[in-house]
Protein backbone atom coordinates (compact mmCIF):
# COMPACT_ATOMS: atom_id res chain seq x y z
CA MET A 1 44.81 22.86 -55.56
CA PRO A 2 42.25 24.57 -53.30
CA GLU A 3 43.57 26.71 -50.47
CA ASN A 4 43.32 25.43 -46.91
CA SER A 5 40.76 27.07 -44.63
CA LEU A 6 40.73 27.49 -40.86
CA CYS A 7 37.53 27.56 -38.80
CA HIS A 8 36.73 29.83 -35.89
CA ALA A 9 36.72 26.95 -33.39
CA CYS A 10 40.41 26.22 -34.06
CA ILE A 11 41.45 29.79 -33.24
CA GLY A 12 41.93 30.46 -29.55
CA ASP A 13 42.02 34.26 -29.74
CA LYS A 14 38.48 35.43 -29.00
CA VAL A 15 38.48 38.53 -31.19
CA LEU A 16 39.95 36.83 -34.25
CA SER A 17 37.69 33.82 -33.73
CA ALA A 18 34.62 36.08 -33.55
CA GLU A 19 35.64 37.82 -36.78
CA VAL A 20 35.92 34.49 -38.57
CA ARG A 21 32.59 33.28 -37.16
CA THR A 22 30.66 36.41 -38.19
CA THR A 23 32.27 37.14 -41.59
CA GLY A 24 33.52 33.74 -42.78
CA THR A 25 31.95 31.23 -45.14
CA ARG A 26 31.13 27.60 -44.45
CA ALA A 27 33.97 25.32 -45.45
CA THR A 28 35.88 22.29 -44.21
CA CYS A 29 38.55 23.20 -41.67
CA CYS A 30 42.02 21.84 -42.46
CA VAL A 31 42.63 21.13 -38.76
CA CYS A 32 39.44 19.61 -37.33
CA ASP A 33 37.75 18.52 -40.62
CA HIS A 34 34.44 20.07 -39.48
CA ARG A 35 32.33 22.27 -41.70
CA ARG A 36 32.11 25.60 -39.95
CA GLN A 37 32.53 29.29 -40.65
CA CYS A 38 36.08 29.58 -42.01
CA TRP A 39 38.55 32.00 -43.50
CA PRO A 40 41.06 31.07 -46.20
CA MET A 41 44.52 30.67 -44.73
CA SER A 42 45.78 33.63 -46.78
CA GLN A 43 43.13 35.92 -45.26
CA ILE A 44 44.08 34.85 -41.73
CA ALA A 45 47.75 35.39 -42.57
CA GLN A 46 47.05 38.93 -43.77
CA ARG A 47 45.08 39.72 -40.59
CA ILE A 48 47.95 38.44 -38.45
CA HIS A 49 50.47 40.41 -40.50
CA GLY A 50 48.74 43.69 -39.60
CA VAL A 51 48.82 42.90 -35.88
CA LEU A 52 52.49 41.90 -36.03
CA GLN A 53 53.40 45.14 -37.78
CA THR A 54 51.64 47.19 -35.11
CA ASN A 55 52.79 45.41 -31.97
CA TYR A 56 56.17 43.78 -32.68
CA ASN A 57 59.68 44.72 -33.74
CA ILE A 58 61.85 42.49 -35.93
CA VAL A 59 65.40 41.80 -34.72
CA PRO A 60 68.13 39.47 -36.02
CA ALA A 61 67.74 35.96 -34.68
CA SER A 62 70.67 35.58 -32.29
CA PRO A 63 70.99 33.57 -29.09
CA TYR A 64 72.13 36.79 -27.40
CA ASP A 65 70.96 40.37 -27.61
CA ASN A 66 73.18 43.37 -28.23
CA TYR A 67 74.49 43.35 -24.68
CA GLY A 68 75.14 39.63 -24.49
CA TYR A 69 72.42 38.80 -21.99
CA GLY A 70 70.02 35.95 -22.68
CA PHE A 71 67.74 35.18 -25.57
CA GLN A 72 65.82 37.87 -27.38
CA GLY A 73 62.49 37.40 -29.08
CA ASP A 74 60.80 34.38 -30.68
CA ASP A 75 60.88 33.03 -34.20
CA PRO A 76 58.02 34.01 -36.56
CA GLY A 77 56.23 30.65 -36.52
CA PHE A 78 56.10 30.45 -32.73
CA THR A 79 55.06 34.13 -32.46
CA ILE A 80 52.18 33.59 -34.90
CA THR A 81 51.03 30.46 -33.07
CA GLU A 82 51.00 32.25 -29.71
CA LEU A 83 49.41 35.41 -31.09
CA ALA A 84 46.40 33.64 -32.64
CA GLN A 85 46.39 30.95 -29.89
CA LEU A 86 46.52 28.08 -32.36
CA ASP A 87 46.54 24.52 -31.02
CA ASP A 88 48.90 23.26 -33.73
CA GLU A 89 52.22 25.03 -34.32
CA ALA A 90 52.28 23.52 -37.81
CA ILE A 91 49.46 25.92 -38.74
CA GLY A 92 51.59 28.80 -37.47
CA ARG A 93 54.46 27.59 -39.67
CA GLU A 94 52.13 27.41 -42.64
CA ILE A 95 51.01 31.00 -42.06
CA GLN A 96 54.68 31.98 -41.75
CA THR A 97 55.37 30.45 -45.16
CA ILE A 98 52.43 32.31 -46.73
CA LEU A 99 53.66 35.63 -45.33
CA SER A 100 57.26 34.89 -46.36
CA ASP A 101 56.15 34.32 -49.93
CA ARG A 102 54.07 37.51 -49.85
CA TYR A 103 56.54 39.87 -48.15
CA GLY A 104 59.92 38.19 -48.56
CA PRO A 105 62.71 39.05 -51.07
CA SER A 106 61.32 36.85 -53.84
CA ALA A 107 58.00 38.70 -53.80
CA ARG A 108 59.63 42.09 -54.08
CA TYR A 109 62.45 41.04 -56.41
CA HIS A 110 65.09 42.40 -54.05
CA ASP A 111 67.57 39.63 -53.52
CA MET A 112 69.50 41.50 -50.80
CA GLU A 113 66.44 42.40 -48.69
CA ASP A 114 65.89 40.47 -45.46
CA ASP A 115 62.86 38.24 -45.21
CA PRO A 116 60.64 39.57 -42.35
CA TYR A 117 59.27 36.04 -41.94
CA GLY A 118 62.47 34.09 -42.43
CA ASP A 119 64.03 31.77 -39.88
CA ASP A 120 66.88 34.23 -39.33
CA VAL A 121 64.75 36.88 -37.58
CA SER A 122 62.95 37.12 -34.23
CA TYR A 123 59.91 39.05 -33.08
CA VAL A 124 60.02 41.20 -29.92
CA PHE A 125 57.00 42.97 -28.44
CA ALA A 126 57.37 46.68 -29.26
CA ASP A 127 57.76 49.25 -26.49
CA PRO A 128 54.78 51.59 -26.16
CA ASP A 129 54.95 55.05 -27.68
CA THR A 130 53.64 57.43 -25.00
CA SER A 131 55.17 60.59 -26.43
CA ASN A 132 51.83 62.15 -27.37
CA LEU A 133 50.31 61.41 -23.95
CA ARG A 134 53.35 62.79 -22.15
CA LEU A 135 53.24 65.85 -24.36
CA SER A 136 49.61 66.41 -23.37
CA TRP A 137 50.48 66.20 -19.66
CA SER A 138 53.47 68.51 -20.15
CA SER A 139 51.19 70.99 -21.93
CA PHE A 140 48.75 70.79 -19.01
CA CYS A 141 51.55 71.58 -16.51
CA ASN A 142 52.80 74.49 -18.62
CA GLN A 143 49.29 75.92 -18.90
CA LEU A 144 49.04 76.09 -15.10
CA LYS A 145 52.57 77.30 -14.40
CA LYS A 146 53.05 79.81 -17.21
CA HIS A 147 49.69 80.88 -18.65
CA SER A 148 46.57 80.80 -16.49
CA ARG A 149 46.23 79.30 -13.03
CA PHE A 150 42.49 79.77 -12.60
CA PHE A 151 39.61 79.18 -15.03
CA ASN A 152 42.00 77.45 -17.43
CA ALA A 153 39.79 75.91 -20.11
CA PRO A 154 42.67 74.39 -22.17
CA ALA A 155 43.98 72.61 -19.06
CA LYS A 156 40.54 71.16 -18.32
CA ASP A 157 40.19 69.99 -21.92
CA ILE A 158 43.49 68.14 -21.63
CA LEU A 159 42.38 66.41 -18.42
CA ASP A 160 39.07 65.47 -20.05
CA ASP A 161 40.94 63.87 -22.94
CA LEU A 162 43.29 61.96 -20.63
CA PHE A 163 40.92 60.92 -17.83
CA GLY A 164 37.42 61.11 -19.27
CA ASP A 165 36.90 57.34 -18.95
CA ILE A 166 38.91 56.80 -15.78
CA SER A 167 36.02 55.10 -13.95
CA ARG A 168 36.03 52.26 -16.49
CA LEU A 169 39.64 51.29 -15.85
CA SER A 170 40.59 48.26 -13.79
CA ALA A 171 43.87 46.86 -12.49
CA GLY A 172 45.07 43.26 -12.36
CA ARG A 173 42.52 40.61 -11.36
CA ASN A 174 39.79 43.00 -12.47
CA GLN A 175 40.26 45.34 -9.49
CA PRO A 176 38.47 48.70 -10.02
CA VAL A 177 40.61 51.83 -9.71
CA ILE A 178 37.84 53.49 -7.67
CA ARG A 179 37.66 51.73 -4.32
CA THR A 180 34.66 51.89 -1.99
CA TYR A 181 35.12 51.95 1.78
CA PRO A 182 31.81 51.19 3.52
CA ALA A 183 31.01 52.68 6.91
CA ARG A 184 31.70 50.04 9.56
CA ARG A 185 32.44 50.09 13.27
CA SER A 186 35.47 47.86 12.78
CA GLY A 187 36.31 49.04 9.29
CA THR A 188 39.23 50.90 7.76
CA GLN A 189 41.14 53.35 9.93
CA PHE A 190 42.86 56.40 8.46
CA TYR A 191 45.84 57.56 10.51
CA ARG A 192 46.79 61.20 10.86
CA GLY A 193 49.76 62.75 12.65
CA ARG A 194 51.00 66.12 13.89
CA VAL A 195 54.44 67.25 15.00
CA ALA A 196 54.92 68.83 18.41
CA THR A 197 58.31 70.46 18.97
CA THR A 198 57.47 71.76 22.46
CA GLU A 199 55.71 70.31 25.49
CA ALA A 200 53.09 73.06 25.31
CA ALA A 201 52.23 72.12 21.72
CA LEU A 202 52.09 68.43 22.67
CA GLU A 203 49.76 69.15 25.59
CA LYS A 204 47.46 71.23 23.40
CA ILE A 205 47.16 68.50 20.74
CA ILE A 206 46.48 65.51 22.97
CA ALA A 207 44.15 67.45 25.28
CA ASP A 208 41.81 68.25 22.38
CA PRO A 209 42.56 65.70 19.61
CA VAL A 210 39.29 66.11 17.69
CA ARG A 211 39.90 69.81 17.12
CA GLU A 212 43.70 69.61 16.72
CA MET A 213 44.01 66.42 14.65
CA SER A 214 41.15 66.98 12.21
CA ALA A 215 41.59 68.74 8.89
CA PRO A 216 42.70 72.31 9.67
CA PRO A 217 40.38 75.31 9.38
CA HIS A 218 40.65 77.39 6.21
CA SER A 219 42.77 80.05 7.88
CA LEU A 220 45.46 77.50 8.83
CA ALA A 221 45.44 75.30 5.71
CA ARG A 222 48.88 75.44 4.12
CA VAL A 223 49.91 74.50 0.59
CA GLY A 224 49.87 70.72 0.13
CA ARG A 225 50.38 68.19 -2.60
CA MET A 226 46.66 68.17 -3.42
CA ASN A 227 45.49 71.59 -2.17
CA GLY A 228 46.27 75.27 -2.39
CA ALA A 229 46.62 77.54 0.62
CA GLY A 230 43.30 78.06 2.41
CA ILE A 231 41.68 74.89 1.06
CA SER A 232 41.23 72.41 3.88
CA LEU A 233 41.72 68.72 3.06
CA PHE A 234 42.26 65.68 5.27
CA TYR A 235 45.65 64.03 4.75
CA GLY A 236 46.36 60.68 6.32
CA ALA A 237 47.69 57.19 5.70
CA LEU A 238 46.51 53.61 5.94
CA ASP A 239 49.16 52.69 8.53
CA VAL A 240 51.19 54.37 11.27
CA GLU A 241 54.63 53.88 9.70
CA THR A 242 53.65 55.59 6.46
CA CYS A 243 52.02 58.38 8.45
CA LEU A 244 55.25 58.97 10.43
CA ALA A 245 57.41 58.89 7.30
CA GLU A 246 55.27 61.44 5.44
CA ILE A 247 55.40 63.93 8.33
CA ARG A 248 59.23 64.14 8.18
CA ALA A 249 59.46 65.18 11.82
CA PRO A 250 62.85 66.47 13.11
CA VAL A 251 64.86 64.29 15.47
CA GLY A 252 63.97 65.06 19.08
CA SER A 253 60.40 66.10 18.37
CA ASN A 254 57.20 64.29 19.31
CA VAL A 255 54.61 63.13 16.81
CA VAL A 256 51.00 62.59 17.85
CA VAL A 257 49.24 59.92 15.77
CA THR A 258 45.60 59.02 15.98
CA ALA A 259 43.03 57.18 13.87
CA PHE A 260 39.76 58.18 12.27
CA ARG A 261 37.07 55.88 10.92
CA ASN A 262 34.63 56.82 8.19
CA VAL A 263 30.98 57.09 9.27
CA ARG A 264 29.71 57.08 5.70
CA ALA A 265 30.77 55.21 2.58
CA LEU A 266 33.77 56.68 0.74
CA ARG A 267 34.72 56.46 -2.93
CA LEU A 268 38.49 56.86 -3.36
CA LEU A 269 40.53 56.80 -6.57
CA ASP A 270 43.49 54.46 -6.02
CA LEU A 271 46.45 55.94 -7.91
CA ALA A 272 48.53 52.88 -7.03
CA ARG A 273 46.17 50.72 -9.07
CA LEU A 274 46.57 53.11 -11.99
CA ARG A 275 50.19 51.91 -12.14
CA SER A 276 49.06 48.41 -13.03
CA ILE A 277 46.09 48.93 -15.33
CA SER A 278 44.99 45.68 -16.91
CA VAL A 279 45.48 45.74 -20.68
CA GLY A 280 44.12 42.24 -21.08
CA GLY A 281 42.28 41.17 -24.12
CA SER A 282 43.29 40.41 -27.64
CA MET A 283 45.91 42.18 -29.71
CA PHE A 284 43.42 41.85 -32.56
CA ALA A 285 41.14 44.36 -30.79
CA ALA A 286 41.17 47.72 -32.56
CA ASP A 287 42.01 49.68 -29.39
CA PHE A 288 44.57 47.27 -27.90
CA ARG A 289 47.66 49.35 -28.71
CA GLU A 290 45.97 52.55 -27.55
CA ARG A 291 45.01 50.98 -24.22
CA TYR A 292 48.48 49.52 -23.75
CA GLU A 293 50.17 52.87 -24.37
CA PHE A 294 47.73 54.65 -22.03
CA ALA A 295 48.40 52.11 -19.26
CA THR A 296 52.15 52.70 -19.63
CA PHE A 297 51.60 56.45 -19.51
CA LEU A 298 49.55 56.12 -16.31
CA GLU A 299 52.39 54.20 -14.66
CA HIS A 300 54.73 57.10 -15.47
CA LEU A 301 52.15 59.67 -14.36
CA VAL A 302 51.56 58.12 -10.92
CA LYS A 303 55.31 58.28 -10.27
CA GLU A 304 55.20 61.94 -11.27
CA LEU A 305 52.21 62.70 -9.03
CA SER A 306 53.73 61.03 -5.96
CA ARG A 307 57.41 61.95 -6.38
CA PRO A 308 59.16 63.84 -3.55
CA ILE A 309 59.18 67.62 -3.90
CA MET A 310 62.23 69.56 -2.76
CA PRO A 311 61.71 72.13 0.03
CA GLY A 312 61.08 75.57 -1.42
CA ALA A 313 59.69 74.24 -4.71
CA GLU A 314 56.27 73.24 -3.40
CA GLU A 315 54.33 76.27 -4.64
CA MET A 316 55.13 75.64 -8.31
CA ASP A 317 55.67 71.87 -8.40
CA TYR A 318 52.42 71.12 -6.57
CA LEU A 319 50.31 73.04 -9.10
CA PRO A 320 49.65 70.07 -11.44
CA THR A 321 48.67 67.72 -8.60
CA GLN A 322 46.49 70.40 -7.00
CA ALA A 323 44.66 71.03 -10.26
CA PHE A 324 44.33 67.28 -10.86
CA ALA A 325 42.77 66.83 -7.39
CA GLU A 326 40.31 69.70 -7.90
CA TYR A 327 39.39 68.33 -11.31
CA LEU A 328 38.51 64.95 -9.78
CA ALA A 329 36.72 66.50 -6.81
CA ASN A 330 34.43 68.44 -9.16
CA ARG A 331 33.63 65.60 -11.55
CA GLU A 332 29.91 65.08 -10.92
CA ASP A 333 29.89 61.73 -12.70
CA LEU A 334 32.66 60.23 -10.52
CA LYS A 335 31.32 61.30 -7.10
CA LEU A 336 34.78 60.89 -5.58
CA ASP A 337 35.53 61.65 -1.93
CA GLY A 338 39.29 61.55 -2.26
CA MET A 339 42.34 59.65 -3.46
CA LEU A 340 44.81 57.03 -2.35
CA PHE A 341 48.38 57.56 -3.53
CA PRO A 342 51.79 55.93 -2.92
CA SER A 343 54.10 57.35 -0.28
CA SER A 344 57.00 59.43 -1.55
CA GLN A 345 58.92 58.98 1.71
CA LEU A 346 58.63 55.28 2.54
CA GLU A 347 59.53 52.78 -0.15
CA GLY A 348 57.21 49.79 -0.04
CA GLY A 349 54.95 51.42 2.53
CA GLU A 350 51.19 51.59 2.63
CA LEU A 351 49.15 54.21 0.81
CA ASN A 352 48.48 57.81 1.72
CA VAL A 353 44.92 59.10 1.67
CA VAL A 354 43.60 62.57 0.93
CA LEU A 355 39.94 63.41 1.40
CA PHE A 356 38.56 66.34 -0.55
CA HIS A 357 37.08 69.29 1.32
CA ALA A 358 33.50 68.01 1.07
CA ALA A 359 34.56 64.76 2.77
CA SER A 360 36.88 66.18 5.45
CA ARG A 361 34.48 66.98 8.27
CA THR A 362 35.18 65.13 11.51
CA LYS A 363 32.64 63.97 14.07
CA GLY A 364 33.72 63.96 17.71
CA LYS A 365 33.54 65.82 21.00
CA CYS A 366 35.88 68.74 21.59
CA ILE A 367 36.77 70.08 25.02
CA PRO A 368 34.86 73.25 26.05
CA GLU A 369 36.33 76.62 25.13
CA GLY A 370 38.32 78.10 28.01
CA SER A 371 39.31 74.72 29.48
CA LYS A 372 42.62 74.48 31.29
CA THR A 373 44.90 71.47 30.84
CA SER A 374 47.90 69.93 32.57
CA MET A 375 50.17 67.14 31.37
CA LEU A 376 52.53 64.57 32.88
CA GLY A 377 55.04 63.00 30.50
CA PRO A 378 56.13 61.72 28.13
CA GLN A 379 57.98 59.74 30.78
CA ASN A 380 59.87 56.47 31.13
CA ASP A 381 59.44 53.71 33.71
CA GLU A 382 62.08 52.46 36.14
CA ASP A 383 63.73 50.37 33.39
CA GLY A 384 63.99 53.34 31.05
CA GLU A 385 61.24 52.10 28.77
CA PRO A 386 58.59 54.55 27.45
CA ASP A 387 55.71 54.61 29.91
CA GLY A 388 53.05 57.06 28.79
CA VAL A 389 51.53 60.52 28.81
CA VAL A 390 48.73 61.70 31.09
CA VAL A 391 46.65 64.82 30.44
CA TRP A 392 44.07 66.37 32.74
CA VAL A 393 41.36 68.65 31.36
CA HIS A 394 39.73 71.20 33.68
CA PRO A 395 36.55 72.58 32.05
CA PRO A 396 35.61 76.18 32.82
CA PRO A 397 32.83 76.89 35.32
CA PRO A 398 29.33 76.92 33.77
CA LYS A 399 28.21 80.25 32.36
CA ARG A 400 25.44 82.17 34.11
CA ARG A 401 22.04 82.02 32.46
CA PRO A 402 21.42 85.22 30.45
CA LYS A 403 18.46 87.47 31.28
CA SER A 404 15.21 86.92 29.44
CA LYS A 405 13.92 89.47 26.96
CA SER A 406 11.34 90.75 29.43
CA ASP A 407 14.08 91.50 32.01
CA SER A 408 16.15 93.60 29.62
CA PRO A 409 15.82 97.37 29.95
CA PHE A 410 16.52 97.67 26.23
CA GLY A 411 13.69 95.34 25.14
CA GLU A 412 13.97 93.84 21.67
CA VAL A 413 17.05 95.90 20.72
CA ALA A 414 19.32 93.84 22.97
CA PHE A 415 18.58 90.67 21.04
CA GLN A 416 19.12 91.92 17.50
CA ASP A 417 21.77 90.03 15.52
CA LEU A 418 25.25 91.49 15.88
CA PRO A 419 27.80 91.41 13.02
CA ARG A 420 29.31 87.92 12.67
CA THR A 421 32.81 86.84 11.71
CA ASP A 422 33.63 85.20 8.37
CA GLU A 423 33.91 81.81 10.07
CA GLU A 424 30.39 82.17 11.48
CA VAL A 425 28.93 83.34 8.18
CA ASP A 426 30.58 80.44 6.32
CA GLU A 427 28.28 77.76 7.70
CA ASP A 428 29.67 74.24 7.40
CA TRP A 429 27.22 72.43 5.09
CA ARG A 430 29.34 69.29 4.85
CA PRO A 431 28.07 65.97 6.22
CA ASP A 432 30.05 64.20 8.93
CA THR A 433 32.52 61.83 7.27
CA LEU A 434 35.10 60.82 9.88
CA HIS A 435 34.79 59.76 13.50
CA TRP A 436 37.72 59.98 15.87
CA VAL A 437 38.77 56.65 17.42
CA PRO A 438 39.39 57.57 21.11
CA ASP A 439 41.68 54.63 22.01
CA SER A 440 44.00 55.28 19.06
CA LEU A 441 45.86 58.33 20.43
CA GLU A 442 49.64 57.71 20.58
CA VAL A 443 52.80 59.78 20.95
CA TYR A 444 56.05 58.90 19.19
CA ARG A 445 59.41 60.41 20.20
CA ILE A 446 61.58 60.68 17.06
CA LYS A 447 65.02 59.36 18.03
CA GLY A 448 66.61 59.01 14.60
CA VAL A 449 66.01 58.86 10.86
CA SER A 450 67.31 56.35 8.31
CA TYR A 451 67.54 56.87 4.55
CA ALA A 452 67.25 54.57 1.56
CA LYS A 453 70.01 55.73 -0.75
CA ASP A 454 72.07 55.07 -3.88
CA LEU A 455 75.83 55.60 -3.97
CA TYR A 456 77.42 57.31 -6.99
CA ARG A 457 81.20 57.41 -7.32
CA VAL A 458 82.63 60.71 -8.53
CA SER A 459 85.46 61.19 -11.02
CA ARG A 460 86.78 64.70 -11.83
CA TYR A 461 88.83 65.75 -14.85
CA VAL A 462 90.50 69.00 -15.81
CA GLU A 463 91.18 70.17 -19.35
CA PRO A 464 94.89 70.86 -19.84
CA LYS A 465 96.19 74.06 -21.37
CA ARG A 466 97.34 72.22 -24.47
CA LYS A 467 94.20 71.30 -26.35
CA ARG A 468 95.64 68.24 -28.11
CA THR A 469 96.61 66.42 -24.94
CA ARG A 470 94.23 64.20 -23.01
CA PHE A 471 92.21 65.25 -20.00
CA ARG A 472 94.10 64.73 -16.76
CA LYS A 473 92.27 63.05 -13.92
CA LEU A 474 92.15 64.95 -10.62
CA ARG A 475 92.88 63.08 -7.41
């Protein structure tokens, strides 16, 4: 009796269907009775067997799993039907029978061996194995912390292996992981905040917000999650609440928050989207398992990159994220301006933003050097509600016009260049990226802090002097 054949049109999986269409032979399909490119049923069964072995685990068919919660897995016939996207489950059962005869106990002459395609087993999608990827990331961190912090070729090689094709990744609904923010007058606003613990500090910030709220100069740039000391980056958030949470201001202090808008298009890598990389496509694709494991690894990695760092541990624990940020900033092919990453302080909040040094220059008018300021507030109205803050800026008197060269008794010598400071020599070549939004300046008085927390009960035991007696619980 001739073996049944299945045509490419009766297989819903696109990859498997394409394989049958390009490599099959013309025959009559046992499902639709059309003469098309077909594979023998045994060949299709063998192809499905390989995919099942790679992507599924076999467990005993039981209405409950090991912990007694719900159903676990699907029977082989249903799994095969869903995997190949067959219209008729009877075809899936037929393939199950072929595989049972080929790999079951009767085929191997082991009467006590379980049948991997019997009705007494279920198939469960296998968890991804990310051990090698995690080992690579761990090796990268160790290279930076214990071997060489600068000019580390092995660390760069590891990042190239892990993130060489990062621009090709996309999240759910085909969302690219690199997001573009066009320059618009009413476009995206990036919020930035600063803590003021004294009235003098508050007055200084709100009197000159462009200078005080922009990315700090090199001499004042402290160690951050994405930068080393002396490297100036712009840190902000996409909303005010996330901005306030990330600052971690002490109770009783004031926080000045203002907004900046980009005046040129920005390309930002969205780490939050890396947590939900789309692994769509067919399990019959050669790289499906590799892509699935990489997507799972990225989800773990984003949690690692955005996790809270304990005070005092920043210098060492920030090294991997700092190196990762510099790696991305210097990738010529990506042309990235910065990154978006989840908040480590506000669960369910909006995203933080960091703009690399080349994209951190702010456009706006600063008050003249030597200006004097005075401030009224923060104050409350008659009902005790917050009212506002008022700042007056008193510019210095205009400088007298210097003498011309012809009036100088020293002639040309008086106008020779004098030695300049490092800041003057280091000319700022960066293009303007951000524009301060004047009406966005706000002051928040921190009145209290709330914490999201988990409660763990504690039990303490002491070992008795007699070793054979049980531990005694302490109360």
